Amino acid sequence: ESKEFNADVLREHIFGIHVANYMRQLMGDDEDSYKRQFSQYVKMGITADEMEDIYKPAHQKIREDPVRVPKEKKTYAEKKRFTAKRLTLKQRRRKVTVSKKKWLAKIEKGEATL
């Protein structure tokens, strides 16, 4: 953790070699943790030995055309609401009178007791 520049460490981080080393270490120590943390890699069949081969073409494409192409923003018909919409005073009073009528009707039929 010295403050001096080390090109080897930088290269390891750019090409994902540090991730490959961690994958190998985790595979040897705890295979369940490996499968949990690298489940997408396992699903795609990527191993620790292939990590550098995956990053090289990606960096080559970035060097060829470094301009970032902005993605289109998704547009939705209406915003998703996670909470119930507030009722107005009139709606709340109407709801109470309807529930009162239902309750009184049950009492009259003898289905409910006080």
N, C-alpha and C. Protein backbone atom coordinates (compact mmCIF):
# COMPACT_ATOMS: atom_id res chain seq x y z
N GLU A 1 0.82 -1.19 0.00
CA GLU A 1 0.00 0.00 0.00
C GLU A 1 0.87 1.26 0.00
N SER A 2 1.96 1.20 -0.73
CA SER A 2 2.79 2.40 -0.84
C SER A 2 2.17 3.35 -1.85
N LYS A 3 2.58 4.60 -1.79
CA LYS A 3 2.02 5.63 -2.66
C LYS A 3 2.74 5.71 -3.99
N GLU A 4 3.63 4.77 -4.25
CA GLU A 4 4.36 4.78 -5.51
C GLU A 4 3.55 4.06 -6.58
N PHE A 5 3.74 4.50 -7.83
CA PHE A 5 3.05 3.90 -8.96
C PHE A 5 3.64 2.53 -9.27
N ASN A 6 2.77 1.56 -9.42
CA ASN A 6 3.20 0.21 -9.77
C ASN A 6 2.40 -0.22 -10.99
N ALA A 7 3.06 -0.34 -12.14
CA ALA A 7 2.38 -0.65 -13.39
C ALA A 7 1.76 -2.05 -13.38
N ASP A 8 2.39 -2.99 -12.69
CA ASP A 8 1.85 -4.35 -12.65
C ASP A 8 0.51 -4.41 -11.93
N VAL A 9 0.40 -3.67 -10.84
CA VAL A 9 -0.86 -3.64 -10.09
C VAL A 9 -1.95 -3.00 -10.93
N LEU A 10 -1.59 -1.93 -11.63
CA LEU A 10 -2.56 -1.24 -12.48
C LEU A 10 -3.04 -2.18 -13.60
N ARG A 11 -2.11 -2.89 -14.22
CA ARG A 11 -2.46 -3.83 -15.29
C ARG A 11 -3.37 -4.93 -14.76
N GLU A 12 -3.08 -5.44 -13.56
CA GLU A 12 -3.93 -6.47 -12.97
C GLU A 12 -5.36 -5.99 -12.78
N HIS A 13 -5.50 -4.75 -12.36
CA HIS A 13 -6.83 -4.21 -12.12
C HIS A 13 -7.55 -3.88 -13.42
N ILE A 14 -6.82 -3.41 -14.41
CA ILE A 14 -7.45 -3.07 -15.70
C ILE A 14 -7.97 -4.32 -16.39
N PHE A 15 -7.19 -5.38 -16.36
CA PHE A 15 -7.57 -6.60 -17.07
C PHE A 15 -8.30 -7.62 -16.19
N GLY A 16 -8.65 -7.26 -14.98
CA GLY A 16 -9.45 -8.14 -14.13
C GLY A 16 -8.70 -9.33 -13.58
N ILE A 17 -7.38 -9.26 -13.56
CA ILE A 17 -6.59 -10.38 -13.04
C ILE A 17 -6.81 -10.55 -11.54
N HIS A 18 -7.02 -9.42 -10.85
CA HIS A 18 -7.28 -9.51 -9.41
C HIS A 18 -8.59 -10.24 -9.13
N VAL A 19 -9.57 -10.07 -10.02
CA VAL A 19 -10.84 -10.78 -9.87
C VAL A 19 -10.64 -12.27 -10.14
N ALA A 20 -9.83 -12.58 -11.17
CA ALA A 20 -9.54 -13.99 -11.49
C ALA A 20 -8.82 -14.67 -10.32
N ASN A 21 -7.89 -13.97 -9.71
CA ASN A 21 -7.19 -14.53 -8.54
C ASN A 21 -8.17 -14.79 -7.40
N TYR A 22 -9.08 -13.86 -7.19
CA TYR A 22 -10.08 -14.03 -6.13
C TYR A 22 -11.00 -15.20 -6.46
N MET A 23 -11.35 -15.36 -7.75
CA MET A 23 -12.19 -16.49 -8.15
C MET A 23 -11.50 -17.81 -7.84
N ARG A 24 -10.21 -17.90 -8.17
CA ARG A 24 -9.45 -19.13 -7.90
C ARG A 24 -9.38 -19.41 -6.40
N GLN A 25 -9.11 -18.35 -5.62
CA GLN A 25 -8.99 -18.51 -4.17
C GLN A 25 -10.32 -18.98 -3.58
N LEU A 26 -11.41 -18.36 -4.00
CA LEU A 26 -12.73 -18.70 -3.47
C LEU A 26 -13.15 -20.10 -3.90
N MET A 27 -12.79 -20.48 -5.12
CA MET A 27 -13.11 -21.82 -5.61
C MET A 27 -12.42 -22.88 -4.74
N GLY A 28 -11.19 -22.61 -4.34
CA GLY A 28 -10.47 -23.56 -3.50
C GLY A 28 -10.97 -23.59 -2.07
N ASP A 29 -11.34 -22.42 -1.54
CA ASP A 29 -11.74 -22.32 -0.13
C ASP A 29 -13.19 -22.75 0.10
N ASP A 30 -14.10 -22.13 -0.65
CA ASP A 30 -15.53 -22.36 -0.39
C ASP A 30 -16.29 -22.29 -1.71
N GLU A 31 -16.64 -23.45 -2.22
CA GLU A 31 -17.28 -23.52 -3.53
C GLU A 31 -18.69 -22.93 -3.52
N ASP A 32 -19.40 -23.02 -2.39
CA ASP A 32 -20.74 -22.44 -2.31
C ASP A 32 -20.69 -20.93 -2.43
N SER A 33 -19.72 -20.30 -1.74
CA SER A 33 -19.56 -18.84 -1.85
C SER A 33 -19.20 -18.45 -3.28
N TYR A 34 -18.36 -19.25 -3.91
CA TYR A 34 -17.96 -18.99 -5.29
C TYR A 34 -19.18 -19.01 -6.20
N LYS A 35 -20.02 -20.03 -6.05
CA LYS A 35 -21.21 -20.14 -6.90
C LYS A 35 -22.19 -19.00 -6.63
N ARG A 36 -22.25 -18.55 -5.39
CA ARG A 36 -23.16 -17.46 -5.05
C ARG A 36 -22.66 -16.13 -5.61
N GLN A 37 -21.37 -15.84 -5.43
CA GLN A 37 -20.83 -14.54 -5.85
C GLN A 37 -20.61 -14.45 -7.36
N PHE A 38 -20.28 -15.55 -7.99
CA PHE A 38 -20.00 -15.53 -9.42
C PHE A 38 -21.02 -16.35 -10.19
N SER A 39 -22.28 -16.29 -9.78
CA SER A 39 -23.32 -17.11 -10.40
C SER A 39 -23.52 -16.75 -11.87
N GLN A 40 -23.43 -15.46 -12.21
CA GLN A 40 -23.62 -15.07 -13.60
C GLN A 40 -22.47 -15.56 -14.46
N TYR A 41 -21.26 -15.52 -13.93
CA TYR A 41 -20.10 -16.04 -14.66
C TYR A 41 -20.23 -17.54 -14.87
N VAL A 42 -20.68 -18.26 -13.83
CA VAL A 42 -20.86 -19.70 -13.93
C VAL A 42 -21.93 -20.01 -14.99
N LYS A 43 -23.01 -19.23 -14.99
CA LYS A 43 -24.09 -19.43 -15.94
C LYS A 43 -23.61 -19.23 -17.38
N MET A 44 -22.72 -18.24 -17.59
CA MET A 44 -22.20 -17.97 -18.93
C MET A 44 -20.99 -18.82 -19.28
N GLY A 45 -20.51 -19.60 -18.32
CA GLY A 45 -19.38 -20.49 -18.56
C GLY A 45 -18.03 -19.80 -18.54
N ILE A 46 -17.92 -18.68 -17.84
CA ILE A 46 -16.67 -17.93 -17.76
C ILE A 46 -15.87 -18.44 -16.56
N THR A 47 -14.60 -18.77 -16.81
CA THR A 47 -13.73 -19.23 -15.74
C THR A 47 -12.69 -18.16 -15.43
N ALA A 48 -11.94 -18.37 -14.38
CA ALA A 48 -10.92 -17.40 -13.97
C ALA A 48 -9.84 -17.24 -15.03
N ASP A 49 -9.55 -18.30 -15.78
CA ASP A 49 -8.51 -18.22 -16.81
C ASP A 49 -8.93 -17.36 -18.01
N GLU A 50 -10.23 -17.20 -18.21
CA GLU A 50 -10.73 -16.44 -19.35
C GLU A 50 -10.94 -14.95 -19.06
N MET A 51 -10.74 -14.52 -17.82
CA MET A 51 -11.04 -13.13 -17.46
C MET A 51 -10.24 -12.14 -18.30
N GLU A 52 -8.94 -12.35 -18.43
CA GLU A 52 -8.10 -11.42 -19.18
C GLU A 52 -8.49 -11.41 -20.65
N ASP A 53 -8.86 -12.58 -21.18
CA ASP A 53 -9.26 -12.67 -22.59
C ASP A 53 -10.57 -11.96 -22.86
N ILE A 54 -11.39 -11.78 -21.84
CA ILE A 54 -12.64 -11.05 -21.99
C ILE A 54 -12.39 -9.54 -21.98
N TYR A 55 -11.49 -9.09 -21.11
CA TYR A 55 -11.24 -7.66 -20.98
C TYR A 55 -10.44 -7.08 -22.14
N LYS A 56 -9.54 -7.85 -22.75
CA LYS A 56 -8.70 -7.34 -23.84
C LYS A 56 -9.52 -6.82 -25.01
N PRO A 57 -10.46 -7.59 -25.57
CA PRO A 57 -11.24 -7.05 -26.68
C PRO A 57 -12.10 -5.85 -26.27
N ALA A 58 -12.58 -5.85 -25.04
CA ALA A 58 -13.40 -4.72 -24.57
C ALA A 58 -12.57 -3.44 -24.55
N HIS A 59 -11.34 -3.51 -24.03
CA HIS A 59 -10.49 -2.33 -24.00
C HIS A 59 -10.06 -1.92 -25.40
N GLN A 60 -9.89 -2.89 -26.29
CA GLN A 60 -9.53 -2.58 -27.67
C GLN A 60 -10.65 -1.80 -28.35
N LYS A 61 -11.90 -2.21 -28.12
CA LYS A 61 -13.05 -1.50 -28.70
C LYS A 61 -13.16 -0.09 -28.13
N ILE A 62 -12.85 0.08 -26.85
CA ILE A 62 -12.89 1.41 -26.24
C ILE A 62 -11.83 2.30 -26.86
N ARG A 63 -10.64 1.74 -27.09
CA ARG A 63 -9.57 2.53 -27.71
C ARG A 63 -9.92 2.93 -29.14
N GLU A 64 -10.60 2.05 -29.87
CA GLU A 64 -10.98 2.35 -31.24
C GLU A 64 -11.99 3.49 -31.29
N ASP A 65 -12.98 3.47 -30.43
CA ASP A 65 -14.02 4.51 -30.42
C ASP A 65 -14.36 4.85 -28.98
N PRO A 66 -13.66 5.83 -28.39
CA PRO A 66 -13.87 6.13 -26.96
C PRO A 66 -15.12 6.97 -26.68
N VAL A 67 -15.85 7.39 -27.70
CA VAL A 67 -17.02 8.23 -27.48
C VAL A 67 -18.14 7.39 -26.87
N ARG A 68 -18.70 7.89 -25.80
CA ARG A 68 -19.77 7.18 -25.11
C ARG A 68 -21.09 7.49 -25.80
N VAL A 69 -21.80 6.46 -26.18
CA VAL A 69 -23.09 6.63 -26.83
C VAL A 69 -24.17 6.59 -25.75
N PRO A 70 -24.91 7.68 -25.59
CA PRO A 70 -25.94 7.68 -24.55
C PRO A 70 -27.09 6.74 -24.91
N LYS A 71 -27.60 6.06 -23.89
CA LYS A 71 -28.72 5.15 -24.08
C LYS A 71 -30.02 5.93 -24.05
N GLU A 72 -31.01 5.37 -24.72
CA GLU A 72 -32.33 5.99 -24.68
C GLU A 72 -32.97 5.72 -23.32
N LYS A 73 -33.60 6.75 -22.78
CA LYS A 73 -34.29 6.55 -21.51
C LYS A 73 -35.61 5.85 -21.75
N LYS A 74 -35.93 4.93 -20.87
CA LYS A 74 -37.19 4.23 -21.00
C LYS A 74 -38.33 5.16 -20.62
N THR A 75 -39.40 5.07 -21.38
CA THR A 75 -40.58 5.87 -21.05
C THR A 75 -41.69 4.91 -20.65
N TYR A 76 -42.37 5.26 -19.61
CA TYR A 76 -43.44 4.43 -19.08
C TYR A 76 -44.77 5.16 -19.24
N ALA A 77 -45.83 4.41 -19.42
CA ALA A 77 -47.15 5.01 -19.61
C ALA A 77 -47.54 5.85 -18.39
N GLU A 78 -47.37 5.27 -17.23
CA GLU A 78 -47.65 6.03 -16.01
C GLU A 78 -46.71 5.56 -14.91
N LYS A 79 -46.48 6.43 -13.97
CA LYS A 79 -45.56 6.10 -12.90
C LYS A 79 -46.17 5.05 -11.98
N LYS A 80 -45.31 4.16 -11.50
CA LYS A 80 -45.77 3.12 -10.58
C LYS A 80 -45.94 3.72 -9.20
N ARG A 81 -47.05 3.39 -8.57
CA ARG A 81 -47.34 3.94 -7.25
C ARG A 81 -47.24 2.82 -6.22
N PHE A 82 -46.43 3.04 -5.18
CA PHE A 82 -46.21 2.01 -4.17
C PHE A 82 -47.11 2.17 -2.95
N THR A 83 -47.72 3.33 -2.81
CA THR A 83 -48.62 3.55 -1.68
C THR A 83 -50.02 3.80 -2.20
N ALA A 84 -51.01 3.54 -1.36
CA ALA A 84 -52.39 3.77 -1.76
C ALA A 84 -52.65 5.27 -1.90
N LYS A 85 -53.46 5.61 -2.88
CA LYS A 85 -53.77 7.02 -3.10
C LYS A 85 -54.67 7.51 -1.96
N ARG A 86 -54.40 8.70 -1.49
CA ARG A 86 -55.19 9.25 -0.38
C ARG A 86 -56.61 9.54 -0.81
N LEU A 87 -57.54 9.22 0.09
CA LEU A 87 -58.94 9.50 -0.18
C LEU A 87 -59.28 10.92 0.27
N THR A 88 -60.22 11.53 -0.42
CA THR A 88 -60.67 12.86 -0.01
C THR A 88 -61.60 12.69 1.19
N LEU A 89 -61.94 13.78 1.84
CA LEU A 89 -62.82 13.75 3.01
C LEU A 89 -64.18 13.15 2.63
N LYS A 90 -64.67 13.56 1.47
CA LYS A 90 -65.96 13.06 1.01
C LYS A 90 -65.91 11.54 0.79
N GLN A 91 -64.84 11.05 0.21
CA GLN A 91 -64.69 9.62 -0.03
C GLN A 91 -64.57 8.84 1.27
N ARG A 92 -63.83 9.40 2.24
CA ARG A 92 -63.68 8.72 3.53
C ARG A 92 -65.02 8.63 4.26
N ARG A 93 -65.79 9.72 4.24
CA ARG A 93 -67.10 9.72 4.91
C ARG A 93 -68.05 8.73 4.23
N ARG A 94 -67.99 8.67 2.91
CA ARG A 94 -68.83 7.73 2.17
C ARG A 94 -68.47 6.29 2.54
N LYS A 95 -67.18 6.02 2.66
CA LYS A 95 -66.70 4.69 3.03
C LYS A 95 -67.21 4.28 4.41
N VAL A 96 -67.21 5.23 5.35
CA VAL A 96 -67.67 4.96 6.71
C VAL A 96 -69.18 4.68 6.72
N THR A 97 -69.94 5.48 5.98
CA THR A 97 -71.39 5.25 5.97
C THR A 97 -71.74 3.92 5.32
N VAL A 98 -71.01 3.53 4.27
CA VAL A 98 -71.27 2.24 3.63
C VAL A 98 -70.96 1.10 4.60
N SER A 99 -69.82 1.19 5.31
CA SER A 99 -69.48 0.12 6.25
C SER A 99 -70.46 0.09 7.42
N LYS A 100 -70.96 1.25 7.84
CA LYS A 100 -71.97 1.28 8.92
C LYS A 100 -73.26 0.58 8.47
N LYS A 101 -73.67 0.86 7.23
CA LYS A 101 -74.89 0.24 6.72
C LYS A 101 -74.74 -1.28 6.64
N LYS A 102 -73.58 -1.74 6.20
CA LYS A 102 -73.33 -3.18 6.13
C LYS A 102 -73.37 -3.81 7.51
N TRP A 103 -72.77 -3.14 8.48
CA TRP A 103 -72.73 -3.66 9.85
C TRP A 103 -74.14 -3.71 10.46
N LEU A 104 -74.91 -2.66 10.24
CA LEU A 104 -76.29 -2.64 10.77
C LEU A 104 -77.15 -3.71 10.10
N ALA A 105 -76.92 -3.93 8.81
CA ALA A 105 -77.67 -4.98 8.10
C ALA A 105 -77.34 -6.34 8.68
N LYS A 106 -76.07 -6.58 9.03
CA LYS A 106 -75.68 -7.86 9.64
C LYS A 106 -76.35 -8.04 10.99
N ILE A 107 -76.42 -6.95 11.76
CA ILE A 107 -77.03 -7.02 13.09
C ILE A 107 -78.52 -7.35 12.96
N GLU A 108 -79.20 -6.71 11.99
CA GLU A 108 -80.62 -6.96 11.81
C GLU A 108 -80.90 -8.40 11.37
N LYS A 109 -80.01 -8.97 10.58
CA LYS A 109 -80.18 -10.35 10.13
C LYS A 109 -79.82 -11.33 11.23
N GLY A 110 -79.11 -10.87 12.25
CA GLY A 110 -78.71 -11.73 13.35
C GLY A 110 -77.37 -12.42 13.10
N GLU A 111 -76.65 -12.00 12.09
CA GLU A 111 -75.34 -12.59 11.80
C GLU A 111 -74.25 -12.07 12.72
N ALA A 112 -74.45 -10.87 13.25
CA ALA A 112 -73.45 -10.28 14.14
C ALA A 112 -74.13 -9.80 15.41
N THR A 113 -73.39 -9.85 16.51
CA THR A 113 -73.93 -9.37 17.77
C THR A 113 -73.04 -8.25 18.29
N LEU A 114 -73.63 -7.42 19.09
CA LEU A 114 -72.88 -6.29 19.65
C LEU A 114 -72.04 -6.66 20.79
